[in-house]
PDB file of N, CA and C in Angstrom:
ATOM      1  N   MET A   1     136.423 101.277  93.532  1.00  0.00           N
ATOM      2  CA  MET A   1     136.059 102.113  94.636  1.00  0.00           C
ATOM      3  C   MET A   1     134.898 101.464  95.370  1.00  0.00           C
ATOM      4  N   SER A   2     135.038 101.231  96.626  1.00  0.00           N
ATOM      5  CA  SER A   2     133.959 100.605  97.380  1.00  0.00           C
ATOM      6  C   SER A   2     133.216 101.688  98.159  1.00  0.00           C
ATOM      7  N   SER A   3     131.918 101.524  98.210  1.00  0.00           N
ATOM      8  CA  SER A   3     131.114 102.492  98.956  1.00  0.00           C
ATOM      9  C   SER A   3     130.530 101.786 100.163  1.00  0.00           C
ATOM     10  N   THR A   4     130.503 102.502 101.230  1.00  0.00           N
ATOM     11  CA  THR A   4     129.919 101.930 102.437  1.00  0.00           C
ATOM     12  C   THR A   4     128.600 102.612 102.707  1.00  0.00           C
ATOM     13  N   HIS A   5     127.702 101.859 103.257  1.00  0.00           N
ATOM     14  CA  HIS A   5     126.378 102.398 103.553  1.00  0.00           C
ATOM     15  C   HIS A   5     126.185 102.359 105.060  1.00  0.00           C
ATOM     16  N   ASN A   6     126.050 103.528 105.636  1.00  0.00           N
ATOM     17  CA  ASN A   6     125.817 103.617 107.071  1.00  0.00           C
ATOM     18  C   ASN A   6     124.324 103.753 107.326  1.00  0.00           C
ATOM     19  N   PRO A   7     123.786 103.038 108.302  1.00  0.00           N
ATOM     20  CA  PRO A   7     122.354 103.163 108.597  1.00  0.00           C
ATOM     21  C   PRO A   7     122.045 104.562 109.114  1.00  0.00           C
ATOM     22  N   PRO A   8     120.820 105.040 108.872  1.00  0.00           N
ATOM     23  CA  PRO A   8     120.452 106.380 109.335  1.00  0.00           C
ATOM     24  C   PRO A   8     120.462 106.449 110.854  1.00  0.00           C
ATOM     25  N   ARG A   9     120.827 107.602 111.351  1.00  0.00           N
ATOM     26  CA  ARG A   9     120.827 107.848 112.783  1.00  0.00           C
ATOM     27  C   ARG A   9     119.650 108.751 113.121  1.00  0.00           C
ATOM     28  N   PRO A  10     119.194 108.747 114.380  1.00  0.00           N
ATOM     29  CA  PRO A  10     118.109 109.640 114.759  1.00  0.00           C
ATOM     30  C   PRO A  10     118.480 111.084 114.441  1.00  0.00           C
ATOM     31  N   GLY A  11     117.556 111.786 113.815  1.00  0.00           N
ATOM     32  CA  GLY A  11     117.784 113.180 113.455  1.00  0.00           C
ATOM     33  C   GLY A  11     118.302 113.356 112.044  1.00  0.00           C
ATOM     34  N   ASP A  12     118.756 112.271 111.366  1.00  0.00           N
ATOM     35  CA  ASP A  12     119.217 112.372 109.988  1.00  0.00           C
ATOM     36  C   ASP A  12     118.039 112.673 109.076  1.00  0.00           C
ATOM     37  N   ILE A  13     118.282 113.433 108.045  1.00  0.00           N
ATOM     38  CA  ILE A  13     117.267 113.710 107.034  1.00  0.00           C
ATOM     39  C   ILE A  13     117.487 112.719 105.911  1.00  0.00           C
ATOM     40  N   LEU A  14     116.461 111.962 105.618  1.00  0.00           N
ATOM     41  CA  LEU A  14     116.576 110.941 104.578  1.00  0.00           C
ATOM     42  C   LEU A  14     116.194 111.560 103.245  1.00  0.00           C
ATOM     43  N   SER A  15     117.001 111.288 102.233  1.00  0.00           N
ATOM     44  CA  SER A  15     116.690 111.795 100.901  1.00  0.00           C
ATOM     45  C   SER A  15     115.711 110.853 100.235  1.00  0.00           C
ATOM     46  N   SER A  16     114.942 111.391  99.298  1.00  0.00           N
ATOM     47  CA  SER A  16     113.975 110.564  98.586  1.00  0.00           C
ATOM     48  C   SER A  16     114.712 109.647  97.620  1.00  0.00           C
ATOM     49  N   PRO A  17     114.155 108.467  97.344  1.00  0.00           N
ATOM     50  CA  PRO A  17     114.821 107.539  96.420  1.00  0.00           C
ATOM     51  C   PRO A  17     114.873 108.125  95.014  1.00  0.00           C
ATOM     52  N   ARG A  18     115.856 107.704  94.283  1.00  0.00           N
ATOM     53  CA  ARG A  18     116.011 108.200  92.907  1.00  0.00           C
ATOM     54  C   ARG A  18     115.614 107.108  91.930  1.00  0.00           C
ATOM     55  N   ARG A  19     115.018 107.563  90.843  1.00  0.00           N
ATOM     56  CA  ARG A  19     114.662 106.629  89.769  1.00  0.00           C
ATOM     57  C   ARG A  19     115.908 106.339  88.946  1.00  0.00           C
ATOM     58  N   SER A  20     115.799 105.364  88.087  1.00  0.00           N
ATOM     59  CA  SER A  20     116.951 104.992  87.277  1.00  0.00           C
ATOM     60  C   SER A  20     117.374 106.120  86.346  1.00  0.00           C
ATOM     61  N   SER A  21     116.471 107.039  86.019  1.00  0.00           N
ATOM     62  CA  SER A  21     116.822 108.147  85.134  1.00  0.00           C
ATOM     63  C   SER A  21     117.625 109.212  85.866  1.00  0.00           C
ATOM     64  N   GLY A  22     117.707 109.099  87.190  1.00  0.00           N
ATOM     65  CA  GLY A  22     118.487 110.053  87.936  1.00  0.00           C
ATOM     66  C   GLY A  22     117.673 111.221  88.463  1.00  0.00           C
ATOM     67  N   THR A  23     116.377 111.240  88.208  1.00  0.00           N
ATOM     68  CA  THR A  23     115.552 112.338  88.711  1.00  0.00           C
ATOM     69  C   THR A  23     114.884 111.905  89.999  1.00  0.00           C
ATOM     70  N   ALA A  24     114.704 112.835  90.906  1.00  0.00           N
ATOM     71  CA  ALA A  24     114.079 112.528  92.196  1.00  0.00           C
ATOM     72  C   ALA A  24     112.586 112.318  92.002  1.00  0.00           C
ATOM     73  N   THR A  25     112.013 111.450  92.817  1.00  0.00           N
ATOM     74  CA  THR A  25     110.573 111.211  92.752  1.00  0.00           C
ATOM     75  C   THR A  25     109.846 112.397  93.369  1.00  0.00           C
ATOM     76  N   ALA A  26     108.682 112.667  92.860  1.00  0.00           N
ATOM     77  CA  ALA A  26     107.884 113.779  93.377  1.00  0.00           C
ATOM     78  C   ALA A  26     107.365 113.417  94.753  1.00  0.00           C
ATOM     79  N   PRO A  27     107.357 114.367  95.673  1.00  0.00           N
ATOM     80  CA  PRO A  27     106.819 114.064  97.003  1.00  0.00           C
ATOM     81  C   PRO A  27     105.328 113.766  96.901  1.00  0.00           C
ATOM     82  N   THR A  28     104.886 112.811  97.682  1.00  0.00           N
ATOM     83  CA  THR A  28     103.479 112.454  97.649  1.00  0.00           C
ATOM     84  C   THR A  28     102.685 113.440  98.494  1.00  0.00           C
ATOM     85  N   ALA A  29     101.559 113.847  97.980  1.00  0.00           N
ATOM     86  CA  ALA A  29     100.707 114.787  98.697  1.00  0.00           C
ATOM     87  C   ALA A  29     100.015 114.048  99.841  1.00  0.00           C
ATOM     88  N   SER A  30      99.843 114.727 100.916  1.00  0.00           N
ATOM     89  CA  SER A  30      99.165 114.132 102.064  1.00  0.00           C
ATOM     90  C   SER A  30      97.688 113.968 101.716  1.00  0.00           C
ATOM     91  N   VAL A  31      97.233 112.742 101.704  1.00  0.00           N
ATOM     92  CA  VAL A  31      95.848 112.453 101.357  1.00  0.00           C
ATOM     93  C   VAL A  31      95.065 112.257 102.645  1.00  0.00           C
ATOM     94  N   GLU A  32      94.064 113.075 102.820  1.00  0.00           N
ATOM     95  CA  GLU A  32      93.233 112.955 104.013  1.00  0.00           C
ATOM     96  C   GLU A  32      92.312 111.756 103.842  1.00  0.00           C
ATOM     97  N   PRO A  33      92.178 110.915 104.873  1.00  0.00           N
ATOM     98  CA  PRO A  33      91.319 109.744 104.739  1.00  0.00           C
ATOM     99  C   PRO A  33      89.873 110.145 104.493  1.00  0.00           C
ATOM    100  N   LYS A  34      89.220 109.370 103.652  1.00  0.00           N
ATOM    101  CA  LYS A  34      87.829 109.652 103.313  1.00  0.00           C
ATOM    102  C   LYS A  34      86.909 109.074 104.383  1.00  0.00           C
ATOM    103  N   PRO A  35      85.786 109.718 104.614  1.00  0.00           N
ATOM    104  CA  PRO A  35      84.839 109.176 105.598  1.00  0.00           C
ATOM    105  C   PRO A  35      84.252 107.858 105.098  1.00  0.00           C
ATOM    106  N   TYR A  36      83.789 107.046 106.028  1.00  0.00           N
ATOM    107  CA  TYR A  36      83.139 105.784 105.664  1.00  0.00           C
ATOM    108  C   TYR A  36      81.674 106.086 105.373  1.00  0.00           C
ATOM    109  N   ILE A  37      81.194 105.674 104.221  1.00  0.00           N
ATOM    110  CA  ILE A  37      79.816 105.931 103.797  1.00  0.00           C
ATOM    111  C   ILE A  37      79.132 104.607 103.524  1.00  0.00           C
ATOM    112  N   THR A  38      77.914 104.464 104.046  1.00  0.00           N
ATOM    113  CA  THR A  38      77.122 103.264 103.789  1.00  0.00           C
ATOM    114  C   THR A  38      75.655 103.648 103.669  1.00  0.00           C
ATOM    115  N   THR A  39      74.932 102.843 102.927  1.00  0.00           N
ATOM    116  CA  THR A  39      73.480 103.000 102.853  1.00  0.00           C
ATOM    117  C   THR A  39      72.785 101.861 103.595  1.00  0.00           C
ATOM    118  N   GLU A  40      73.578 100.998 104.218  1.00  0.00           N
ATOM    119  CA  GLU A  40      73.034  99.849 104.937  1.00  0.00           C
ATOM    120  C   GLU A  40      72.697 100.225 106.381  1.00  0.00           C
ATOM    121  N   LEU A  41      71.430 100.158 106.712  1.00  0.00           N
ATOM    122  CA  LEU A  41      70.974 100.509 108.054  1.00  0.00           C
ATOM    123  C   LEU A  41      71.572  99.580 109.106  1.00  0.00           C
ATOM    124  N   ASP A  42      71.744  98.301 108.777  1.00  0.00           N
ATOM    125  CA  ASP A  42      72.304  97.341 109.740  1.00  0.00           C
ATOM    126  C   ASP A  42      73.757  97.674 110.101  1.00  0.00           C
ATOM    127  N   ILE A  43      74.560  98.007 109.099  1.00  0.00           N
ATOM    128  CA  ILE A  43      75.955  98.370 109.365  1.00  0.00           C
ATOM    129  C   ILE A  43      76.010  99.666 110.168  1.00  0.00           C
ATOM    130  N   ALA A  44      75.206 100.639 109.771  1.00  0.00           N
ATOM    131  CA  ALA A  44      75.172 101.919 110.485  1.00  0.00           C
ATOM    132  C   ALA A  44      74.739 101.706 111.938  1.00  0.00           C
ATOM    133  N   SER A  45      73.766 100.834 112.160  1.00  0.00           N
ATOM    134  CA  SER A  45      73.317 100.536 113.520  1.00  0.00           C
ATOM    135  C   SER A  45      74.428  99.910 114.335  1.00  0.00           C
ATOM    136  N   PHE A  46      75.169  98.990 113.733  1.00  0.00           N
ATOM    137  CA  PHE A  46      76.289  98.348 114.410  1.00  0.00           C
ATOM    138  C   PHE A  46      77.340  99.389 114.797  1.00  0.00           C
ATOM    139  N   LEU A  47      77.642 100.305 113.882  1.00  0.00           N
ATOM    140  CA  LEU A  47      78.648 101.327 114.160  1.00  0.00           C
ATOM    141  C   LEU A  47      78.212 102.261 115.280  1.00  0.00           C
ATOM    142  N   VAL A  48      76.952 102.677 115.256  1.00  0.00           N
ATOM    143  CA  VAL A  48      76.446 103.557 116.318  1.00  0.00           C
ATOM    144  C   VAL A  48      76.457 102.809 117.655  1.00  0.00           C
ATOM    145  N   ALA A  49      76.024 101.550 117.639  1.00  0.00           N
ATOM    146  CA  ALA A  49      76.019 100.749 118.871  1.00  0.00           C
ATOM    147  C   ALA A  49      77.444 100.501 119.376  1.00  0.00           C
ATOM    148  N   SER A  50      78.434 100.538 118.480  1.00  0.00           N
ATOM    149  CA  SER A  50      79.837 100.359 118.859  1.00  0.00           C
ATOM    150  C   SER A  50      80.439 101.634 119.433  1.00  0.00           C
ATOM    151  N   GLY A  51      79.673 102.718 119.396  1.00  0.00           N
ATOM    152  CA  GLY A  51      80.158 103.972 119.961  1.00  0.00           C
ATOM    153  C   GLY A  51      80.691 104.964 118.946  1.00  0.00           C
ATOM    154  N   HIS A  52      80.549 104.672 117.656  1.00  0.00           N
ATOM    155  CA  HIS A  52      81.010 105.595 116.623  1.00  0.00           C
ATOM    156  C   HIS A  52      79.933 106.644 116.356  1.00  0.00           C
ATOM    157  N   ARG A  53      80.388 107.845 116.054  1.00  0.00           N
ATOM    158  CA  ARG A  53      79.470 108.963 115.868  1.00  0.00           C
ATOM    159  C   ARG A  53      79.054 109.073 114.405  1.00  0.00           C
ATOM    160  N   LEU A  54      77.766 109.233 114.193  1.00  0.00           N
ATOM    161  CA  LEU A  54      77.228 109.479 112.860  1.00  0.00           C
ATOM    162  C   LEU A  54      77.518 110.926 112.501  1.00  0.00           C
ATOM    163  N   LEU A  55      78.223 111.150 111.385  1.00  0.00           N
ATOM    164  CA  LEU A  55      78.572 112.509 110.984  1.00  0.00           C
ATOM    165  C   LEU A  55      77.501 113.171 110.153  1.00  0.00           C
ATOM    166  N   ASP A  56      76.829 112.379 109.306  1.00  0.00           N
ATOM    167  CA  ASP A  56      75.850 112.956 108.388  1.00  0.00           C
ATOM    168  C   ASP A  56      74.920 111.865 107.879  1.00  0.00           C
ATOM    169  N   ALA A  57      73.749 112.287 107.469  1.00  0.00           N
ATOM    170  CA  ALA A  57      72.785 111.391 106.823  1.00  0.00           C
ATOM    171  C   ALA A  57      72.105 112.193 105.723  1.00  0.00           C
ATOM    172  N   GLN A  58      72.168 111.685 104.509  1.00  0.00           N
ATOM    173  CA  GLN A  58      71.602 112.378 103.358  1.00  0.00           C
ATOM    174  C   GLN A  58      70.757 111.419 102.530  1.00  0.00           C
ATOM    175  N   PRO A  59      69.612 111.886 102.025  1.00  0.00           N
ATOM    176  CA  PRO A  59      68.785 111.014 101.181  1.00  0.00           C
ATOM    177  C   PRO A  59      69.464 110.764  99.844  1.00  0.00           C
ATOM    178  N   GLN A  60      69.310 109.548  99.358  1.00  0.00           N
ATOM    179  CA  GLN A  60      69.836 109.164  98.052  1.00  0.00           C
ATOM    180  C   GLN A  60      68.703 108.588  97.211  1.00  0.00           C
ATOM    181  N   GLY A  61      67.585 109.273  97.195  1.00  0.00           N
ATOM    182  CA  GLY A  61      66.405 108.802  96.494  1.00  0.00           C
ATOM    183  C   GLY A  61      65.283 108.594  97.489  1.00  0.00           C
ATOM    184  N   PRO A  62      64.141 108.125  97.008  1.00  0.00           N
ATOM    185  CA  PRO A  62      62.976 108.010  97.892  1.00  0.00           C
ATOM    186  C   PRO A  62      63.087 106.926  98.967  1.00  0.00           C
ATOM    187  N   GLN A  63      63.911 105.915  98.769  1.00  0.00           N
ATOM    188  CA  GLN A  63      63.984 104.812  99.722  1.00  0.00           C
ATOM    189  C   GLN A  63      65.340 104.660 100.419  1.00  0.00           C
ATOM    190  N   ILE A  64      66.361 105.400 100.001  1.00  0.00           N
ATOM    191  CA  ILE A  64      67.718 105.171 100.503  1.00  0.00           C
ATOM    192  C   ILE A  64      68.259 106.415 101.195  1.00  0.00           C
ATOM    193  N   VAL A  65      68.915 106.196 102.334  1.00  0.00           N
ATOM    194  CA  VAL A  65      69.622 107.263 103.040  1.00  0.00           C
ATOM    195  C   VAL A  65      71.074 106.843 103.183  1.00  0.00           C
ATOM    196  N   GLN A  66      71.960 107.784 102.933  1.00  0.00           N
ATOM    197  CA  GLN A  66      73.404 107.538 103.019  1.00  0.00           C
ATOM    198  C   GLN A  66      73.907 108.020 104.376  1.00  0.00           C
ATOM    199  N   PHE A  67      74.555 107.115 105.133  1.00  0.00           N
ATOM    200  CA  PHE A  67      75.101 107.432 106.449  1.00  0.00           C
ATOM    201  C   PHE A  67      76.602 107.642 106.313  1.00  0.00           C
ATOM    202  N   THR A  68      77.117 108.692 106.951  1.00  0.00           N
ATOM    203  CA  THR A  68      78.539 109.012 106.880  1.00  0.00           C
ATOM    204  C   THR A  68      79.149 108.946 108.277  1.00  0.00           C
ATOM    205  N   PHE A  69      80.274 108.221 108.370  1.00  0.00           N
ATOM    206  CA  PHE A  69      81.001 108.052 109.629  1.00  0.00           C
ATOM    207  C   PHE A  69      82.461 108.462 109.426  1.00  0.00           C
ATOM    208  N   ASP A  70      83.189 108.629 110.539  1.00  0.00           N
ATOM    209  CA  ASP A  70      84.623 108.919 110.489  1.00  0.00           C
ATOM    210  C   ASP A  70      85.354 107.795 109.759  1.00  0.00           C
ATOM    211  N   PRO A  71      86.512 108.113 109.156  1.00  0.00           N
ATOM    212  CA  PRO A  71      87.292 107.068 108.480  1.00  0.00           C
ATOM    213  C   PRO A  71      87.805 105.990 109.430  1.00  0.00           C
ATOM    214  N   ASN A  72      87.885 106.277 110.713  1.00  0.00           N
ATOM    215  CA  ASN A  72      88.468 105.318 111.661  1.00  0.00           C
ATOM    216  C   ASN A  72      87.528 104.163 112.021  1.00  0.00           C
ATOM    217  N   VAL A  73      86.416 104.006 111.324  1.00  0.00           N
ATOM    218  CA  VAL A  73      85.492 102.907 111.617  1.00  0.00           C
ATOM    219  C   VAL A  73      85.827 101.639 110.838  1.00  0.00           C
ATOM    220  N   ALA A  74      86.880 101.680 110.032  1.00  0.00           N
ATOM    221  CA  ALA A  74      87.207 100.538 109.163  1.00  0.00           C
ATOM    222  C   ALA A  74      87.347  99.240 109.947  1.00  0.00           C
ATOM    223  N   GLU A  75      88.002  99.306 111.089  1.00  0.00           N
ATOM    224  CA  GLU A  75      88.190  98.097 111.896  1.00  0.00           C
ATOM    225  C   GLU A  75      86.844  97.567 112.412  1.00  0.00           C
ATOM    226  N   ALA A  76      85.955  98.466 112.804  1.00  0.00           N
ATOM    227  CA  ALA A  76      84.632  98.051 113.282  1.00  0.00           C
ATOM    228  C   ALA A  76      83.809  97.432 112.146  1.00  0.00           C
ATOM    229  N   VAL A  77      83.945  97.975 110.946  1.00  0.00           N
ATOM    230  CA  VAL A  77      83.227  97.411 109.797  1.00  0.00           C
ATOM    231  C   VAL A  77      83.734  96.004 109.503  1.00  0.00           C
ATOM    232  N   GLU A  78      85.050  95.828 109.567  1.00  0.00           N
ATOM    233  CA  GLU A  78      85.622  94.496 109.354  1.00  0.00           C
ATOM    234  C   GLU A  78      85.114  93.513 110.405  1.00  0.00           C
ATOM    235  N   SER A  79      85.035  93.973 111.654  1.00  0.00           N
ATOM    236  CA  SER A  79      84.544  93.083 112.707  1.00  0.00           C
ATOM    237  C   SER A  79      83.064  92.768 112.515  1.00  0.00           C
ATOM    238  N   TYR A  80      82.294  93.713 111.972  1.00  0.00           N
ATOM    239  CA  TYR A  80      80.876  93.457 111.656  1.00  0.00           C
ATOM    240  C   TYR A  80      80.760  92.313 110.661  1.00  0.00           C
ATOM    241  N   PHE A  81      81.531  92.389 109.582  1.00  0.00           N
ATOM    242  CA  PHE A  81      81.470  91.345 108.555  1.00  0.00           C
ATOM    243  C   PHE A  81      82.078  90.032 109.024  1.00  0.00           C
ATOM    244  N   ALA A  82      82.913  90.088 110.059  1.00  0.00           N
ATOM    245  CA  ALA A  82      83.488  88.868 110.618  1.00  0.00           C
ATOM    246  C   ALA A  82      82.554  88.210 111.635  1.00  0.00           C
ATOM    247  N   GLY A  83      81.407  88.879 111.915  1.00  0.00           N
ATOM    248  CA  GLY A  83      80.422  88.284 112.799  1.00  0.00           C
ATOM    249  C   GLY A  83      80.529  88.726 114.244  1.00  0.00           C
ATOM    250  N   ALA A  84      81.116  89.879 114.487  1.00  0.00           N
ATOM    251  CA  ALA A  84      81.257  90.379 115.859  1.00  0.00           C
ATOM    252  C   ALA A  84      79.874  90.560 116.494  1.00  0.00           C
ATOM    253  N   ALA A  85      79.816  90.351 117.785  1.00  0.00           N
ATOM    254  CA  ALA A  85      78.547  90.474 118.501  1.00  0.00           C
ATOM    255  C   ALA A  85      78.590  91.684 119.431  1.00  0.00           C
ATOM    256  N   LEU A  86      77.455  92.341 119.536  1.00  0.00           N
ATOM    257  CA  LEU A  86      77.268  93.451 120.470  1.00  0.00           C
ATOM    258  C   LEU A  86      76.007  93.158 121.282  1.00  0.00           C
ATOM    259  N   PRO A  87      75.840  93.823 122.414  1.00  0.00           N
ATOM    260  CA  PRO A  87      74.599  93.642 123.175  1.00  0.00           C
ATOM    261  C   PRO A  87      73.381  94.011 122.318  1.00  0.00           C
ATOM    262  N   VAL A  88      72.424  93.115 122.284  1.00  0.00           N
ATOM    263  CA  VAL A  88      71.248  93.280 121.430  1.00  0.00           C
ATOM    264  C   VAL A  88      70.510  94.575 121.756  1.00  0.00           C
ATOM    265  N   ARG A  89      70.399  94.899 123.009  1.00  0.00           N
ATOM    266  CA  ARG A  89      69.679  96.111 123.413  1.00  0.00           C
ATOM    267  C   ARG A  89      70.300  97.357 122.775  1.00  0.00           C
ATOM    268  N   GLU A  90      71.639  97.424 122.742  1.00  0.00           N
ATOM    269  CA  GLU A  90      72.323  98.585 122.167  1.00  0.00           C
ATOM    270  C   GLU A  90      72.129  98.648 120.657  1.00  0.00           C
ATOM    271  N   VAL A  91      72.184  97.500 119.998  1.00  0.00           N
ATOM    272  CA  VAL A  91      71.995  97.472 118.545  1.00  0.00           C
ATOM    273  C   VAL A  91      70.568  97.879 118.187  1.00  0.00           C
ATOM    274  N   PHE A  92      69.573  97.372 118.922  1.00  0.00           N
ATOM    275  CA  PHE A  92      68.185  97.758 118.657  1.00  0.00           C
ATOM    276  C   PHE A  92      67.949  99.237 118.925  1.00  0.00           C
ATOM    277  N   ALA A  93      68.548  99.756 119.985  1.00  0.00           N
ATOM    278  CA  ALA A  93      68.397 101.187 120.287  1.00  0.00           C
ATOM    279  C   ALA A  93      69.007 102.033 119.169  1.00  0.00           C
ATOM    280  N   ALA A  94      70.171 101.633 118.677  1.00  0.00           N
ATOM    281  CA  ALA A  94      70.814 102.348 117.572  1.00  0.00           C
ATOM    282  C   ALA A  94      69.968 102.242 116.304  1.00  0.00           C
ATOM    283  N   HIS A  95      69.398 101.060 116.067  1.00  0.00           N
ATOM    284  CA  HIS A  95      68.558 100.848 114.885  1.00  0.00           C
ATOM    285  C   HIS A  95      67.318 101.735 114.946  1.00  0.00           C
ATOM    286  N   ARG A  96      66.657 101.795 116.097  1.00  0.00           N
ATOM    287  CA  ARG A  96      65.482 102.676 116.247  1.00  0.00           C
ATOM    288  C   ARG A  96      65.864 104.134 116.049  1.00  0.00           C
ATOM    289  N   HIS A  97      66.995 104.530 116.632  1.00  0.00           N
ATOM    290  CA  HIS A  97      67.459 105.913 116.489  1.00  0.00           C
ATOM    291  C   HIS A  97      67.692 106.258 115.018  1.00  0.00           C
ATOM    292  N   LEU A  98      68.358 105.360 114.292  1.00  0.00           N
ATOM    293  CA  LEU A  98      68.660 105.634 112.888  1.00  0.00           C
ATOM    294  C   LEU A  98      67.410 105.616 112.013  1.00  0.00           C
ATOM    295  N   ARG A  99      66.427 104.798 112.359  1.00  0.00           N
ATOM    296  CA  ARG A  99      65.163 104.831 111.613  1.00  0.00           C
ATOM    297  C   ARG A  99      64.480 106.182 111.795  1.00  0.00           C
ATOM    298  N   THR A 100      64.586 106.744 112.997  1.00  0.00           N
ATOM    299  CA  THR A 100      64.043 108.081 113.241  1.00  0.00           C
ATOM    300  C   THR A 100      64.818 109.118 112.438  1.00  0.00           C
ATOM    301  N   VAL A 101      66.137 108.977 112.392  1.00  0.00           N
ATOM    302  CA  VAL A 101      66.964 109.887 111.598  1.00  0.00           C
ATOM    303  C   VAL A 101      66.564 109.806 110.123  1.00  0.00           C
ATOM    304  N   VAL A 102      66.340 108.607 109.622  1.00  0.00           N
ATOM    305  CA  VAL A 102      65.930 108.420 108.224  1.00  0.00           C
ATOM    306  C   VAL A 102      64.635 109.178 107.955  1.00  0.00           C
ATOM    307  N   LYS A 103      63.646 109.040 108.829  1.00  0.00           N
ATOM    308  CA  LYS A 103      62.379 109.746 108.651  1.00  0.00           C
ATOM    309  C   LYS A 103      62.589 111.254 108.661  1.00  0.00           C
ATOM    310  N   GLN A 104      63.388 111.740 109.624  1.00  0.00           N
ATOM    311  CA  GLN A 104      63.634 113.178 109.720  1.00  0.00           C
ATOM    312  C   GLN A 104      64.355 113.712 108.487  1.00  0.00           C
ATOM    313  N   VAL A 105      65.334 112.972 107.992  1.00  0.00           N
ATOM    314  CA  VAL A 105      66.087 113.399 106.808  1.00  0.00           C
ATOM    315  C   VAL A 105      65.163 113.464 105.601  1.00  0.00           C
ATOM    316  N   LYS A 106      64.319 112.469 105.450  1.00  0.00           N
ATOM    317  CA  LYS A 106      63.411 112.453 104.303  1.00  0.00           C
ATOM    318  C   LYS A 106      62.396 113.586 104.377  1.00  0.00           C
ATOM    319  N   ILE A 107      61.856 113.839 105.560  1.00  0.00           N
ATOM    320  CA  ILE A 107      60.885 114.926 105.713  1.00  0.00           C
ATOM    321  C   ILE A 107      61.567 116.269 105.485  1.00  0.00           C
ATOM    322  N   HIS A 108      62.726 116.462 106.088  1.00  0.00           N
ATOM    323  CA  HIS A 108      63.447 117.736 105.981  1.00  0.00           C
ATOM    324  C   HIS A 108      63.846 118.052 104.543  1.00  0.00           C
ATOM    325  N   ASN A 109      64.194 117.035 103.774  1.00  0.00           N
ATOM    326  CA  ASN A 109      64.654 117.235 102.412  1.00  0.00           C
ATOM    327  C   ASN A 109      63.545 117.079 101.373  1.00  0.00           C
ATOM    328  N   GLY A 110      62.313 116.940 101.821  1.00  0.00           N
ATOM    329  CA  GLY A 110      61.185 116.867 100.893  1.00  0.00           C
ATOM    330  C   GLY A 110      61.124 115.600 100.083  1.00  0.00           C
ATOM    331  N   VAL A 111      61.763 114.531 100.538  1.00  0.00           N
ATOM    332  CA  VAL A 111      61.745 113.267  99.801  1.00  0.00           C
ATOM    333  C   VAL A 111      60.422 112.543 100.021  1.00  0.00           C
ATOM    334  N   THR A 112      59.765 112.822 101.116  1.00  0.00           N
ATOM    335  CA  THR A 112      58.486 112.196 101.415  1.00  0.00           C
ATOM    336  C   THR A 112      57.516 113.253 101.906  1.00  0.00           C
ATOM    337  N   ASN A 113      56.245 112.968 101.794  1.00  0.00           N
ATOM    338  CA  ASN A 113      55.259 113.921 102.290  1.00  0.00           C
ATOM    339  C   ASN A 113      54.719 113.485 103.646  1.00  0.00           C
ATOM    340  N   HIS A 114      55.386 112.509 104.250  1.00  0.00           N
ATOM    341  CA  HIS A 114      54.972 112.029 105.567  1.00  0.00           C
ATOM    342  C   HIS A 114      55.134 113.131 106.602  1.00  0.00           C
ATOM    343  N   VAL A 115      54.099 113.326 107.384  1.00  0.00           N
ATOM    344  CA  VAL A 115      54.157 114.293 108.461  1.00  0.00           C
ATOM    345  C   VAL A 115      54.027 113.533 109.773  1.00  0.00           C
ATOM    346  N   TYR A 116      54.918 113.825 110.682  1.00  0.00           N
ATOM    347  CA  TYR A 116      54.908 113.127 111.969  1.00  0.00           C
ATOM    348  C   TYR A 116      53.607 113.405 112.710  1.00  0.00           C
ATOM    349  N   GLN A 117      52.962 112.332 113.121  1.00  0.00           N
ATOM    350  CA  GLN A 117      51.724 112.427 113.897  1.00  0.00           C
ATOM    351  C   GLN A 117      51.992 111.832 115.268  1.00  0.00           C
ATOM    352  N   PRO A 118      51.953 112.653 116.320  1.00  0.00           N
ATOM    353  CA  PRO A 118      52.178 112.082 117.654  1.00  0.00           C
ATOM    354  C   PRO A 118      51.071 111.110 118.015  1.00  0.00           C
ATOM    355  N   ARG A 119      51.444 110.094 118.783  1.00  0.00           N
ATOM    356  CA  ARG A 119      50.467 109.100 119.205  1.00  0.00           C
ATOM    357  C   ARG A 119      49.512 109.703 120.224  1.00  0.00           C
ATOM    358  N   LYS A 120      48.287 109.282 120.125  1.00  0.00           N
ATOM    359  CA  LYS A 120      47.268 109.689 121.113  1.00  0.00           C
ATOM    360  C   LYS A 120      47.044 108.525 122.048  1.00  0.00           C
ATOM    361  N   TYR A 121      47.314 108.739 123.299  1.00  0.00           N
ATOM    362  CA  TYR A 121      47.179 107.656 124.264  1.00  0.00           C
ATOM    363  C   TYR A 121      45.888 107.762 125.016  1.00  0.00           C
TER     364      TYR A 121
END
């Protein structure tokens, strides 16, 4: 007996593959992508300067802050490690902004006793 295999047509419902035991494979659960997390200020600065939004910043001890970004920054992170260049002014502005965020996070969470003192001109 010969069996013919017809390719699926638009609108066809495809059945899941079967294992050799004859039982159907369990459907895979939809896994939501995890956010990108880094403690590196340079990488975080590059991402912010690239236009990615910082989702969260949390202290991870007295000297480290963890930056959280959307999962879709993976390509930008790869380009960072590949040596991608951005305008220096934007990277420095992002770096200054994130240093301020680090100070605010540490003060807000009681990690440091530093109190902001405005400059007297």
